[in-house]
Amino acid sequence: MTKFEGFSTTEQKKIENVLNRFDRNFIKEIFKKIINDQTLDNKEEKYSVFGKYNINSKTLKINPRAFITEDFTDGKNKMSKLSFIILHEIAHALDRRFKVSNSEEWHKLSGWVEEPIIKRGKKNLVMKKENGDEVHSQWFYDKNAKFARWYSSFSPKEDFCDTFSFAFSGLKNNLKNKEKIDYVEHFIAHLKTRGII
């Protein structure tokens, strides 16, 4: 049974509504504890951290602002920031189990290459920290690749997890890449046959 800490009854119900879309045993396997963590709410940081998962303790920490932050929408469908955080972390767990983002087929969809010798026609994500330091992704992608959001371009793993979250929630217009949608929808259908969804 997943333990919840620091949430109101309403907040816990919102979390449970997302978790209940998956097999109960699968959820127990990946989330031992879900915590409302005020320390993630650092308004001084340029990039807000809304969720943080510790694979060793199987603990998901959620920034309390996840409950009040604007939803993702494509004009027809909506997904709350909270749902996105949970789905994104579930996608990481699925990726660890099924190795989706490591597959050659997934890499081809955005032209992913780790530290290529020839970088012409490739890009990588560079993030600036508050102290001015830069974090460079070791992963490069085709300059014309399309992503669900800017952070998806950090690595094949983040690309997969974001794509899964948006596709699972029906926000396909945000994805801009039919091949990725098809790939992830096929994967979701596979999960259904295995009883995970």
N, C-alpha and C. Protein backbone atom coordinates (compact mmCIF):
# COMPACT_ATOMS: atom_id res chain seq x y z
N MET A 1 0.83 -1.18 0.00
CA MET A 1 0.00 0.00 0.00
C MET A 1 0.88 1.25 0.00
N THR A 2 0.60 2.16 -0.89
CA THR A 2 1.35 3.41 -0.96
C THR A 2 0.95 4.31 0.20
N LYS A 3 1.94 4.88 0.90
CA LYS A 3 1.67 5.80 2.00
C LYS A 3 1.70 7.23 1.47
N PHE A 4 0.83 8.07 2.00
CA PHE A 4 0.77 9.48 1.64
C PHE A 4 1.12 10.31 2.86
N GLU A 5 1.93 11.36 2.65
CA GLU A 5 2.31 12.23 3.76
C GLU A 5 2.14 13.69 3.38
N GLY A 6 1.42 14.43 4.23
CA GLY A 6 1.34 15.88 4.09
C GLY A 6 0.30 16.39 3.13
N PHE A 7 -0.60 15.54 2.67
CA PHE A 7 -1.63 15.97 1.73
C PHE A 7 -2.98 16.10 2.42
N SER A 8 -3.79 17.02 1.92
CA SER A 8 -5.18 17.08 2.38
C SER A 8 -5.92 15.89 1.77
N THR A 9 -7.12 15.62 2.26
CA THR A 9 -7.92 14.52 1.72
C THR A 9 -8.20 14.74 0.24
N THR A 10 -8.50 15.98 -0.13
CA THR A 10 -8.79 16.31 -1.53
C THR A 10 -7.56 16.09 -2.41
N GLU A 11 -6.38 16.52 -1.92
CA GLU A 11 -5.14 16.34 -2.69
C GLU A 11 -4.83 14.86 -2.86
N GLN A 12 -4.99 14.08 -1.80
CA GLN A 12 -4.72 12.65 -1.88
C GLN A 12 -5.67 11.98 -2.88
N LYS A 13 -6.92 12.38 -2.89
CA LYS A 13 -7.88 11.82 -3.86
C LYS A 13 -7.46 12.14 -5.29
N LYS A 14 -6.94 13.33 -5.54
CA LYS A 14 -6.47 13.70 -6.88
C LYS A 14 -5.32 12.79 -7.31
N ILE A 15 -4.41 12.51 -6.39
CA ILE A 15 -3.29 11.61 -6.68
C ILE A 15 -3.81 10.20 -6.95
N GLU A 16 -4.69 9.73 -6.09
CA GLU A 16 -5.25 8.38 -6.25
C GLU A 16 -6.00 8.22 -7.57
N ASN A 17 -6.66 9.28 -8.03
CA ASN A 17 -7.38 9.22 -9.31
C ASN A 17 -6.43 8.91 -10.47
N VAL A 18 -5.21 9.43 -10.40
CA VAL A 18 -4.22 9.14 -11.45
C VAL A 18 -3.69 7.72 -11.27
N LEU A 19 -3.33 7.37 -10.04
CA LEU A 19 -2.76 6.04 -9.77
C LEU A 19 -3.74 4.92 -10.10
N ASN A 20 -5.04 5.17 -9.90
CA ASN A 20 -6.05 4.13 -10.11
C ASN A 20 -6.24 3.75 -11.58
N ARG A 21 -5.59 4.45 -12.47
CA ARG A 21 -5.66 4.10 -13.89
C ARG A 21 -4.69 2.96 -14.23
N PHE A 22 -3.90 2.55 -13.24
CA PHE A 22 -2.89 1.51 -13.42
C PHE A 22 -3.15 0.36 -12.45
N ASP A 23 -2.57 -0.78 -12.75
CA ASP A 23 -2.69 -1.95 -11.89
C ASP A 23 -2.16 -1.62 -10.49
N ARG A 24 -2.93 -1.99 -9.48
CA ARG A 24 -2.60 -1.67 -8.09
C ARG A 24 -1.25 -2.24 -7.67
N ASN A 25 -0.94 -3.47 -8.08
CA ASN A 25 0.34 -4.09 -7.70
C ASN A 25 1.52 -3.37 -8.36
N PHE A 26 1.33 -2.94 -9.61
CA PHE A 26 2.39 -2.19 -10.29
C PHE A 26 2.66 -0.88 -9.54
N ILE A 27 1.61 -0.19 -9.13
CA ILE A 27 1.78 1.07 -8.40
C ILE A 27 2.47 0.83 -7.05
N LYS A 28 2.07 -0.21 -6.33
CA LYS A 28 2.72 -0.53 -5.04
C LYS A 28 4.20 -0.83 -5.22
N GLU A 29 4.52 -1.42 -6.35
CA GLU A 29 5.91 -1.77 -6.67
C GLU A 29 6.78 -0.52 -6.86
N ILE A 30 6.23 0.53 -7.46
CA ILE A 30 7.06 1.69 -7.77
C ILE A 30 6.94 2.84 -6.77
N PHE A 31 5.80 2.95 -6.09
CA PHE A 31 5.61 4.04 -5.12
C PHE A 31 5.29 3.47 -3.74
N LYS A 32 6.31 3.46 -2.85
CA LYS A 32 6.07 3.07 -1.46
C LYS A 32 5.49 4.26 -0.69
N LYS A 33 5.95 5.47 -1.08
CA LYS A 33 5.54 6.66 -0.36
C LYS A 33 5.45 7.84 -1.33
N ILE A 34 4.43 8.67 -1.11
CA ILE A 34 4.29 9.92 -1.87
C ILE A 34 4.16 11.04 -0.85
N ILE A 35 5.06 12.04 -0.97
CA ILE A 35 5.18 13.08 0.04
C ILE A 35 4.93 14.46 -0.56
N ASN A 36 4.19 15.29 0.17
CA ASN A 36 4.03 16.70 -0.17
C ASN A 36 5.26 17.41 0.39
N ASP A 37 6.17 17.83 -0.49
CA ASP A 37 7.47 18.34 -0.06
C ASP A 37 7.60 19.85 -0.32
N GLN A 38 7.46 20.63 0.73
CA GLN A 38 7.57 22.10 0.64
C GLN A 38 8.94 22.55 0.16
N THR A 39 9.98 21.74 0.39
CA THR A 39 11.33 22.17 0.02
C THR A 39 11.51 22.25 -1.50
N LEU A 40 10.63 21.59 -2.26
CA LEU A 40 10.71 21.68 -3.72
C LEU A 40 10.16 23.01 -4.23
N ASP A 41 9.45 23.73 -3.37
CA ASP A 41 8.81 24.98 -3.77
C ASP A 41 9.79 26.16 -3.62
N ASN A 42 10.83 26.16 -4.43
CA ASN A 42 11.83 27.22 -4.40
C ASN A 42 11.57 28.20 -5.53
N LYS A 43 10.92 29.30 -5.22
CA LYS A 43 10.54 30.28 -6.24
C LYS A 43 11.74 31.04 -6.80
N GLU A 44 12.89 30.90 -6.15
CA GLU A 44 14.09 31.60 -6.59
C GLU A 44 14.75 30.90 -7.78
N GLU A 45 14.52 29.60 -7.92
CA GLU A 45 15.14 28.84 -9.00
C GLU A 45 14.50 29.17 -10.35
N LYS A 46 15.31 29.16 -11.38
CA LYS A 46 14.82 29.44 -12.73
C LYS A 46 13.91 28.32 -13.23
N TYR A 47 14.27 27.07 -12.94
CA TYR A 47 13.49 25.92 -13.36
C TYR A 47 12.89 25.26 -12.12
N SER A 48 11.57 25.29 -12.00
CA SER A 48 10.91 24.71 -10.84
C SER A 48 10.95 23.19 -10.92
N VAL A 49 11.19 22.57 -9.79
CA VAL A 49 11.12 21.11 -9.69
C VAL A 49 9.75 20.80 -9.09
N PHE A 50 8.92 20.11 -9.86
CA PHE A 50 7.57 19.80 -9.39
C PHE A 50 7.45 18.39 -8.85
N GLY A 51 8.37 17.54 -9.21
CA GLY A 51 8.35 16.18 -8.70
C GLY A 51 9.75 15.61 -8.67
N LYS A 52 10.01 14.77 -7.68
CA LYS A 52 11.33 14.16 -7.55
C LYS A 52 11.14 12.73 -7.05
N TYR A 53 11.70 11.79 -7.80
CA TYR A 53 11.53 10.38 -7.44
C TYR A 53 12.86 9.78 -7.02
N ASN A 54 12.84 9.05 -5.91
CA ASN A 54 14.02 8.32 -5.44
C ASN A 54 13.77 6.85 -5.68
N ILE A 55 14.53 6.28 -6.61
CA ILE A 55 14.31 4.88 -6.99
C ILE A 55 14.65 3.92 -5.85
N ASN A 56 15.62 4.27 -5.00
CA ASN A 56 16.02 3.37 -3.91
C ASN A 56 14.94 3.27 -2.83
N SER A 57 14.40 4.41 -2.41
CA SER A 57 13.36 4.39 -1.37
C SER A 57 11.96 4.29 -1.96
N LYS A 58 11.87 4.39 -3.30
CA LYS A 58 10.59 4.35 -4.02
C LYS A 58 9.64 5.43 -3.49
N THR A 59 10.22 6.62 -3.34
CA THR A 59 9.47 7.75 -2.80
C THR A 59 9.34 8.83 -3.87
N LEU A 60 8.12 9.31 -4.04
CA LEU A 60 7.85 10.43 -4.94
C LEU A 60 7.55 11.65 -4.08
N LYS A 61 8.34 12.71 -4.29
CA LYS A 61 8.09 13.98 -3.61
C LYS A 61 7.41 14.90 -4.60
N ILE A 62 6.36 15.57 -4.15
CA ILE A 62 5.59 16.46 -5.02
C ILE A 62 5.62 17.87 -4.45
N ASN A 63 5.93 18.82 -5.32
CA ASN A 63 5.90 20.24 -4.98
C ASN A 63 4.43 20.63 -4.77
N PRO A 64 4.10 21.30 -3.65
CA PRO A 64 2.70 21.65 -3.40
C PRO A 64 2.10 22.55 -4.49
N ARG A 65 2.95 23.26 -5.23
CA ARG A 65 2.42 24.10 -6.33
C ARG A 65 1.86 23.27 -7.47
N ALA A 66 2.13 21.96 -7.49
CA ALA A 66 1.59 21.10 -8.53
C ALA A 66 0.06 21.08 -8.51
N PHE A 67 -0.52 21.38 -7.35
CA PHE A 67 -1.98 21.37 -7.23
C PHE A 67 -2.62 22.66 -7.74
N ILE A 68 -1.84 23.71 -7.91
CA ILE A 68 -2.42 25.00 -8.32
C ILE A 68 -1.83 25.55 -9.61
N THR A 69 -0.88 24.84 -10.19
CA THR A 69 -0.24 25.30 -11.42
C THR A 69 -1.16 25.04 -12.61
N GLU A 70 -1.05 25.90 -13.61
CA GLU A 70 -1.89 25.81 -14.80
C GLU A 70 -1.79 24.44 -15.47
N ASP A 71 -2.94 23.99 -15.97
CA ASP A 71 -3.01 22.70 -16.66
C ASP A 71 -2.36 22.77 -18.03
N PHE A 72 -1.94 21.62 -18.53
CA PHE A 72 -1.56 21.48 -19.93
C PHE A 72 -2.86 21.31 -20.71
N THR A 73 -2.96 21.91 -21.89
CA THR A 73 -4.16 21.74 -22.71
C THR A 73 -3.79 21.77 -24.18
N ASP A 74 -4.63 21.13 -24.98
CA ASP A 74 -4.44 21.21 -26.44
C ASP A 74 -5.68 21.81 -27.09
N GLY A 75 -6.52 22.45 -26.27
CA GLY A 75 -7.75 23.05 -26.78
C GLY A 75 -8.96 22.17 -26.56
N LYS A 76 -8.75 20.84 -26.56
CA LYS A 76 -9.85 19.90 -26.33
C LYS A 76 -9.70 19.18 -24.99
N ASN A 77 -8.52 18.71 -24.72
CA ASN A 77 -8.26 17.93 -23.51
C ASN A 77 -7.35 18.70 -22.57
N LYS A 78 -7.44 18.34 -21.27
CA LYS A 78 -6.58 18.96 -20.26
C LYS A 78 -5.90 17.89 -19.42
N MET A 79 -4.73 18.25 -18.91
CA MET A 79 -4.01 17.39 -17.97
C MET A 79 -3.43 18.31 -16.90
N SER A 80 -3.72 18.03 -15.65
CA SER A 80 -3.18 18.85 -14.57
C SER A 80 -1.68 18.63 -14.44
N LYS A 81 -1.01 19.61 -13.88
CA LYS A 81 0.43 19.48 -13.62
C LYS A 81 0.68 18.28 -12.71
N LEU A 82 -0.20 18.08 -11.74
CA LEU A 82 -0.08 16.94 -10.83
C LEU A 82 -0.14 15.63 -11.61
N SER A 83 -1.13 15.49 -12.49
CA SER A 83 -1.24 14.26 -13.31
C SER A 83 0.02 14.06 -14.14
N PHE A 84 0.50 15.15 -14.72
CA PHE A 84 1.71 15.06 -15.55
C PHE A 84 2.89 14.53 -14.74
N ILE A 85 3.10 15.07 -13.55
CA ILE A 85 4.22 14.64 -12.70
C ILE A 85 4.14 13.14 -12.42
N ILE A 86 2.96 12.69 -12.02
CA ILE A 86 2.79 11.28 -11.67
C ILE A 86 2.97 10.40 -12.91
N LEU A 87 2.33 10.78 -14.02
CA LEU A 87 2.45 9.98 -15.24
C LEU A 87 3.90 9.94 -15.74
N HIS A 88 4.59 11.07 -15.62
CA HIS A 88 5.99 11.14 -16.05
C HIS A 88 6.84 10.15 -15.24
N GLU A 89 6.63 10.11 -13.93
CA GLU A 89 7.41 9.18 -13.08
C GLU A 89 7.00 7.73 -13.32
N ILE A 90 5.71 7.49 -13.58
CA ILE A 90 5.27 6.14 -13.95
C ILE A 90 5.96 5.72 -15.25
N ALA A 91 6.05 6.66 -16.20
CA ALA A 91 6.71 6.36 -17.47
C ALA A 91 8.18 6.00 -17.26
N HIS A 92 8.86 6.66 -16.33
CA HIS A 92 10.25 6.27 -16.02
C HIS A 92 10.30 4.83 -15.51
N ALA A 93 9.34 4.46 -14.65
CA ALA A 93 9.31 3.09 -14.13
C ALA A 93 9.06 2.09 -15.26
N LEU A 94 8.14 2.43 -16.15
CA LEU A 94 7.86 1.56 -17.29
C LEU A 94 9.09 1.45 -18.20
N ASP A 95 9.78 2.57 -18.36
CA ASP A 95 10.97 2.58 -19.20
C ASP A 95 12.08 1.73 -18.59
N ARG A 96 12.23 1.78 -17.27
CA ARG A 96 13.24 0.93 -16.63
C ARG A 96 12.90 -0.55 -16.85
N ARG A 97 11.62 -0.87 -16.83
CA ARG A 97 11.20 -2.27 -17.01
C ARG A 97 11.30 -2.72 -18.46
N PHE A 98 10.84 -1.90 -19.40
CA PHE A 98 10.74 -2.32 -20.80
C PHE A 98 11.84 -1.75 -21.71
N LYS A 99 12.69 -0.88 -21.17
CA LYS A 99 13.84 -0.32 -21.91
C LYS A 99 13.44 0.36 -23.23
N VAL A 100 12.34 1.07 -23.22
CA VAL A 100 11.83 1.72 -24.43
C VAL A 100 12.81 2.78 -24.95
N SER A 101 13.25 3.65 -24.06
CA SER A 101 14.08 4.78 -24.51
C SER A 101 15.48 4.35 -24.94
N ASN A 102 15.86 3.12 -24.63
CA ASN A 102 17.17 2.60 -25.07
C ASN A 102 17.11 1.97 -26.45
N SER A 103 15.91 1.78 -26.97
CA SER A 103 15.77 1.05 -28.23
C SER A 103 16.22 1.89 -29.42
N GLU A 104 16.76 1.21 -30.39
CA GLU A 104 17.20 1.87 -31.62
C GLU A 104 16.02 2.53 -32.32
N GLU A 105 14.88 1.88 -32.25
CA GLU A 105 13.67 2.42 -32.89
C GLU A 105 13.28 3.77 -32.28
N TRP A 106 13.32 3.88 -30.94
CA TRP A 106 12.99 5.15 -30.28
C TRP A 106 14.03 6.22 -30.63
N HIS A 107 15.28 5.85 -30.63
CA HIS A 107 16.35 6.80 -30.95
C HIS A 107 16.17 7.39 -32.35
N LYS A 108 15.73 6.57 -33.30
CA LYS A 108 15.56 7.04 -34.68
C LYS A 108 14.48 8.12 -34.80
N LEU A 109 13.48 8.09 -33.92
CA LEU A 109 12.35 9.03 -34.04
C LEU A 109 12.76 10.49 -33.86
N SER A 110 13.83 10.74 -33.13
CA SER A 110 14.35 12.11 -32.97
C SER A 110 15.81 12.23 -33.38
N GLY A 111 16.37 11.14 -33.87
CA GLY A 111 17.78 11.16 -34.27
C GLY A 111 18.72 11.23 -33.08
N TRP A 112 18.34 10.60 -31.96
CA TRP A 112 19.16 10.65 -30.75
C TRP A 112 20.52 9.99 -30.95
N VAL A 113 21.57 10.69 -30.52
CA VAL A 113 22.94 10.16 -30.53
C VAL A 113 23.63 10.69 -29.28
N GLU A 114 24.33 9.79 -28.58
CA GLU A 114 25.05 10.22 -27.38
C GLU A 114 26.44 10.69 -27.77
N GLU A 115 26.76 11.93 -27.41
CA GLU A 115 28.08 12.53 -27.67
C GLU A 115 28.63 12.19 -29.06
N PRO A 116 27.96 12.66 -30.12
CA PRO A 116 28.42 12.32 -31.47
C PRO A 116 29.76 12.98 -31.81
N ILE A 117 30.51 12.35 -32.67
CA ILE A 117 31.78 12.91 -33.13
C ILE A 117 31.49 14.08 -34.08
N ILE A 118 30.56 13.87 -35.00
CA ILE A 118 30.16 14.93 -35.93
C ILE A 118 28.82 15.48 -35.45
N LYS A 119 28.81 16.77 -35.11
CA LYS A 119 27.61 17.37 -34.54
C LYS A 119 26.80 18.18 -35.55
N ARG A 120 27.26 18.28 -36.79
CA ARG A 120 26.54 19.07 -37.78
C ARG A 120 25.13 18.50 -37.97
N GLY A 121 24.12 19.38 -37.90
CA GLY A 121 22.73 18.96 -38.04
C GLY A 121 22.12 18.43 -36.75
N LYS A 122 22.89 18.50 -35.67
CA LYS A 122 22.42 18.01 -34.36
C LYS A 122 22.39 19.16 -33.36
N LYS A 123 21.55 19.01 -32.34
CA LYS A 123 21.46 19.99 -31.26
C LYS A 123 21.42 19.25 -29.94
N ASN A 124 21.73 19.96 -28.86
CA ASN A 124 21.52 19.39 -27.53
C ASN A 124 20.99 20.49 -26.61
N LEU A 125 20.34 20.07 -25.53
CA LEU A 125 19.76 21.02 -24.59
C LEU A 125 20.83 21.53 -23.65
N VAL A 126 20.85 22.85 -23.46
CA VAL A 126 21.75 23.48 -22.50
C VAL A 126 20.87 24.29 -21.54
N MET A 127 20.99 24.00 -20.26
CA MET A 127 20.22 24.72 -19.24
C MET A 127 21.16 25.55 -18.39
N LYS A 128 20.75 26.77 -18.09
CA LYS A 128 21.53 27.63 -17.20
C LYS A 128 21.00 27.53 -15.78
N LYS A 129 21.92 27.35 -14.84
CA LYS A 129 21.55 27.35 -13.43
C LYS A 129 21.54 28.79 -12.93
N GLU A 130 20.97 29.01 -11.75
CA GLU A 130 20.92 30.36 -11.17
C GLU A 130 22.31 30.95 -10.96
N ASN A 131 23.29 30.10 -10.66
CA ASN A 131 24.65 30.60 -10.43
C ASN A 131 25.41 30.87 -11.74
N GLY A 132 24.73 30.68 -12.88
CA GLY A 132 25.35 30.95 -14.18
C GLY A 132 25.98 29.73 -14.83
N ASP A 133 26.18 28.65 -14.05
CA ASP A 133 26.72 27.43 -14.64
C ASP A 133 25.76 26.87 -15.67
N GLU A 134 26.32 26.17 -16.65
CA GLU A 134 25.50 25.55 -17.67
C GLU A 134 25.53 24.04 -17.52
N VAL A 135 24.39 23.42 -17.74
CA VAL A 135 24.28 21.96 -17.76
C VAL A 135 24.01 21.57 -19.20
N HIS A 136 24.95 20.81 -19.77
CA HIS A 136 24.84 20.37 -21.17
C HIS A 136 24.39 18.92 -21.20
N SER A 137 23.34 18.65 -21.96
CA SER A 137 22.94 17.26 -22.14
C SER A 137 24.00 16.55 -22.96
N GLN A 138 24.27 15.31 -22.61
CA GLN A 138 25.22 14.50 -23.39
C GLN A 138 24.55 13.94 -24.64
N TRP A 139 23.23 14.07 -24.72
CA TRP A 139 22.46 13.54 -25.84
C TRP A 139 22.19 14.62 -26.87
N PHE A 140 22.38 14.28 -28.13
CA PHE A 140 22.11 15.19 -29.24
C PHE A 140 20.98 14.61 -30.09
N TYR A 141 20.22 15.50 -30.72
CA TYR A 141 19.08 15.09 -31.54
C TYR A 141 19.09 15.86 -32.85
N ASP A 142 18.35 15.38 -33.83
CA ASP A 142 18.25 16.08 -35.11
C ASP A 142 17.67 17.47 -34.89
N LYS A 143 18.22 18.44 -35.59
CA LYS A 143 17.80 19.83 -35.37
C LYS A 143 16.33 20.05 -35.70
N ASN A 144 15.71 19.19 -36.50
CA ASN A 144 14.29 19.32 -36.85
C ASN A 144 13.38 18.43 -36.00
N ALA A 145 13.93 17.76 -35.00
CA ALA A 145 13.12 16.89 -34.14
C ALA A 145 12.09 17.72 -33.39
N LYS A 146 10.95 17.11 -33.12
CA LYS A 146 9.86 17.79 -32.42
C LYS A 146 9.65 17.11 -31.06
N PHE A 147 9.38 17.94 -30.04
CA PHE A 147 9.24 17.45 -28.68
C PHE A 147 7.97 18.00 -28.03
N ALA A 148 7.48 17.27 -27.02
CA ALA A 148 6.26 17.66 -26.31
C ALA A 148 6.45 18.97 -25.54
N ARG A 149 7.63 19.16 -24.97
CA ARG A 149 7.97 20.40 -24.26
C ARG A 149 9.49 20.51 -24.28
N TRP A 150 10.01 21.64 -23.86
CA TRP A 150 11.45 21.90 -24.00
C TRP A 150 12.30 20.85 -23.27
N TYR A 151 11.87 20.40 -22.10
CA TYR A 151 12.69 19.47 -21.31
C TYR A 151 12.77 18.09 -21.96
N SER A 152 11.83 17.77 -22.82
CA SER A 152 11.85 16.48 -23.52
C SER A 152 13.13 16.30 -24.33
N SER A 153 13.72 17.42 -24.74
CA SER A 153 14.92 17.36 -25.58
C SER A 153 16.20 17.12 -24.79
N PHE A 154 16.08 16.83 -23.48
CA PHE A 154 17.27 16.57 -22.66
C PHE A 154 17.88 15.20 -22.95
N SER A 155 17.01 14.19 -23.16
CA SER A 155 17.51 12.84 -23.38
C SER A 155 16.39 11.96 -23.94
N PRO A 156 16.73 10.80 -24.49
CA PRO A 156 15.69 9.89 -24.96
C PRO A 156 14.73 9.47 -23.84
N LYS A 157 15.24 9.35 -22.61
CA LYS A 157 14.39 8.98 -21.48
C LYS A 157 13.34 10.04 -21.21
N GLU A 158 13.76 11.30 -21.13
CA GLU A 158 12.82 12.39 -20.86
C GLU A 158 11.85 12.56 -22.03
N ASP A 159 12.33 12.36 -23.23
CA ASP A 159 11.49 12.43 -24.42
C ASP A 159 10.39 11.37 -24.34
N PHE A 160 10.77 10.14 -24.01
CA PHE A 160 9.78 9.08 -23.89
C PHE A 160 8.78 9.38 -22.78
N CYS A 161 9.26 9.77 -21.60
CA CYS A 161 8.37 9.98 -20.45
C CYS A 161 7.38 11.12 -20.71
N ASP A 162 7.83 12.19 -21.33
CA ASP A 162 6.92 13.29 -21.66
C ASP A 162 5.92 12.84 -22.73
N THR A 163 6.41 12.15 -23.76
CA THR A 163 5.52 11.69 -24.83
C THR A 163 4.47 10.74 -24.27
N PHE A 164 4.88 9.82 -23.40
CA PHE A 164 3.94 8.90 -22.77
C PHE A 164 2.87 9.67 -21.99
N SER A 165 3.29 10.65 -21.18
CA SER A 165 2.36 11.40 -20.34
C SER A 165 1.32 12.13 -21.17
N PHE A 166 1.77 12.80 -22.24
CA PHE A 166 0.83 13.54 -23.09
C PHE A 166 -0.07 12.59 -23.87
N ALA A 167 0.47 11.51 -24.43
CA ALA A 167 -0.34 10.57 -25.20
C ALA A 167 -1.36 9.87 -24.30
N PHE A 168 -0.93 9.44 -23.13
CA PHE A 168 -1.82 8.75 -22.19
C PHE A 168 -2.99 9.64 -21.78
N SER A 169 -2.75 10.94 -21.71
CA SER A 169 -3.79 11.89 -21.31
C SER A 169 -4.62 12.41 -22.48
N GLY A 170 -4.31 11.96 -23.68
CA GLY A 170 -5.08 12.39 -24.84
C GLY A 170 -4.67 13.73 -25.41
N LEU A 171 -3.53 14.25 -25.00
CA LEU A 171 -3.04 15.55 -25.49
C LEU A 171 -2.10 15.36 -26.68
N LYS A 172 -2.57 14.70 -27.69
CA LYS A 172 -1.72 14.35 -28.84
C LYS A 172 -1.32 15.56 -29.67
N ASN A 173 -2.14 16.62 -29.66
CA ASN A 173 -1.78 17.82 -30.43
C ASN A 173 -0.51 18.47 -29.92
N ASN A 174 -0.18 18.24 -28.65
CA ASN A 174 1.05 18.80 -28.08
C ASN A 174 2.30 18.07 -28.57
N LEU A 175 2.12 16.88 -29.13
CA LEU A 175 3.28 16.05 -29.46
C LEU A 175 3.93 16.38 -30.79
N LYS A 176 3.19 16.82 -31.77
CA LYS A 176 3.75 17.32 -33.04
C LYS A 176 4.56 16.28 -33.82
N ASN A 177 4.53 15.02 -33.42
CA ASN A 177 5.31 14.00 -34.10
C ASN A 177 4.49 12.72 -34.18
N LYS A 178 3.89 12.46 -35.32
CA LYS A 178 2.98 11.33 -35.49
C LYS A 178 3.67 10.00 -35.21
N GLU A 179 4.92 9.86 -35.60
CA GLU A 179 5.63 8.59 -35.38
C GLU A 179 5.78 8.31 -33.88
N LYS A 180 6.07 9.35 -33.09
CA LYS A 180 6.18 9.14 -31.64
C LYS A 180 4.83 8.78 -31.04
N ILE A 181 3.77 9.45 -31.51
CA ILE A 181 2.42 9.13 -31.02
C ILE A 181 2.10 7.68 -31.31
N ASP A 182 2.32 7.25 -32.55
CA ASP A 182 2.04 5.86 -32.93
C ASP A 182 2.84 4.88 -32.08
N TYR A 183 4.12 5.18 -31.89
CA TYR A 183 5.00 4.30 -31.12
C TYR A 183 4.48 4.15 -29.68
N VAL A 184 4.15 5.28 -29.05
CA VAL A 184 3.71 5.24 -27.66
C VAL A 184 2.31 4.64 -27.54
N GLU A 185 1.44 4.92 -28.49
CA GLU A 185 0.11 4.30 -28.45
C GLU A 185 0.21 2.78 -28.59
N HIS A 186 1.12 2.31 -29.41
CA HIS A 186 1.36 0.87 -29.54
C HIS A 186 1.87 0.30 -28.20
N PHE A 187 2.76 1.03 -27.54
CA PHE A 187 3.29 0.62 -26.25
C PHE A 187 2.16 0.58 -25.20
N ILE A 188 1.30 1.60 -25.20
CA ILE A 188 0.17 1.64 -24.25
C ILE A 188 -0.75 0.44 -24.49
N ALA A 189 -1.01 0.11 -25.75
CA ALA A 189 -1.84 -1.06 -26.06
C ALA A 189 -1.19 -2.34 -25.52
N HIS A 190 0.14 -2.42 -25.64
CA HIS A 190 0.89 -3.57 -25.09
C HIS A 190 0.71 -3.65 -23.57
N LEU A 191 0.76 -2.50 -22.88
CA LEU A 191 0.59 -2.47 -21.43
C LEU A 191 -0.80 -2.95 -21.03
N LYS A 192 -1.80 -2.61 -21.84
CA LYS A 192 -3.17 -3.04 -21.57
C LYS A 192 -3.29 -4.56 -21.66
N THR A 193 -2.61 -5.15 -22.65
CA THR A 193 -2.68 -6.62 -22.79
C THR A 193 -1.99 -7.31 -21.63
N ARG A 194 -1.06 -6.63 -20.98
CA ARG A 194 -0.34 -7.21 -19.84
C ARG A 194 -1.01 -6.88 -18.50
N GLY A 195 -2.11 -6.10 -18.56
CA GLY A 195 -2.88 -5.78 -17.35
C GLY A 195 -2.25 -4.69 -16.50
N ILE A 196 -1.27 -3.96 -17.04
CA ILE A 196 -0.63 -2.88 -16.27
C ILE A 196 -1.53 -1.64 -16.26
N ILE A 197 -2.27 -1.47 -17.35
CA ILE A 197 -3.22 -0.34 -17.45
C ILE A 197 -4.62 -0.95 -17.45
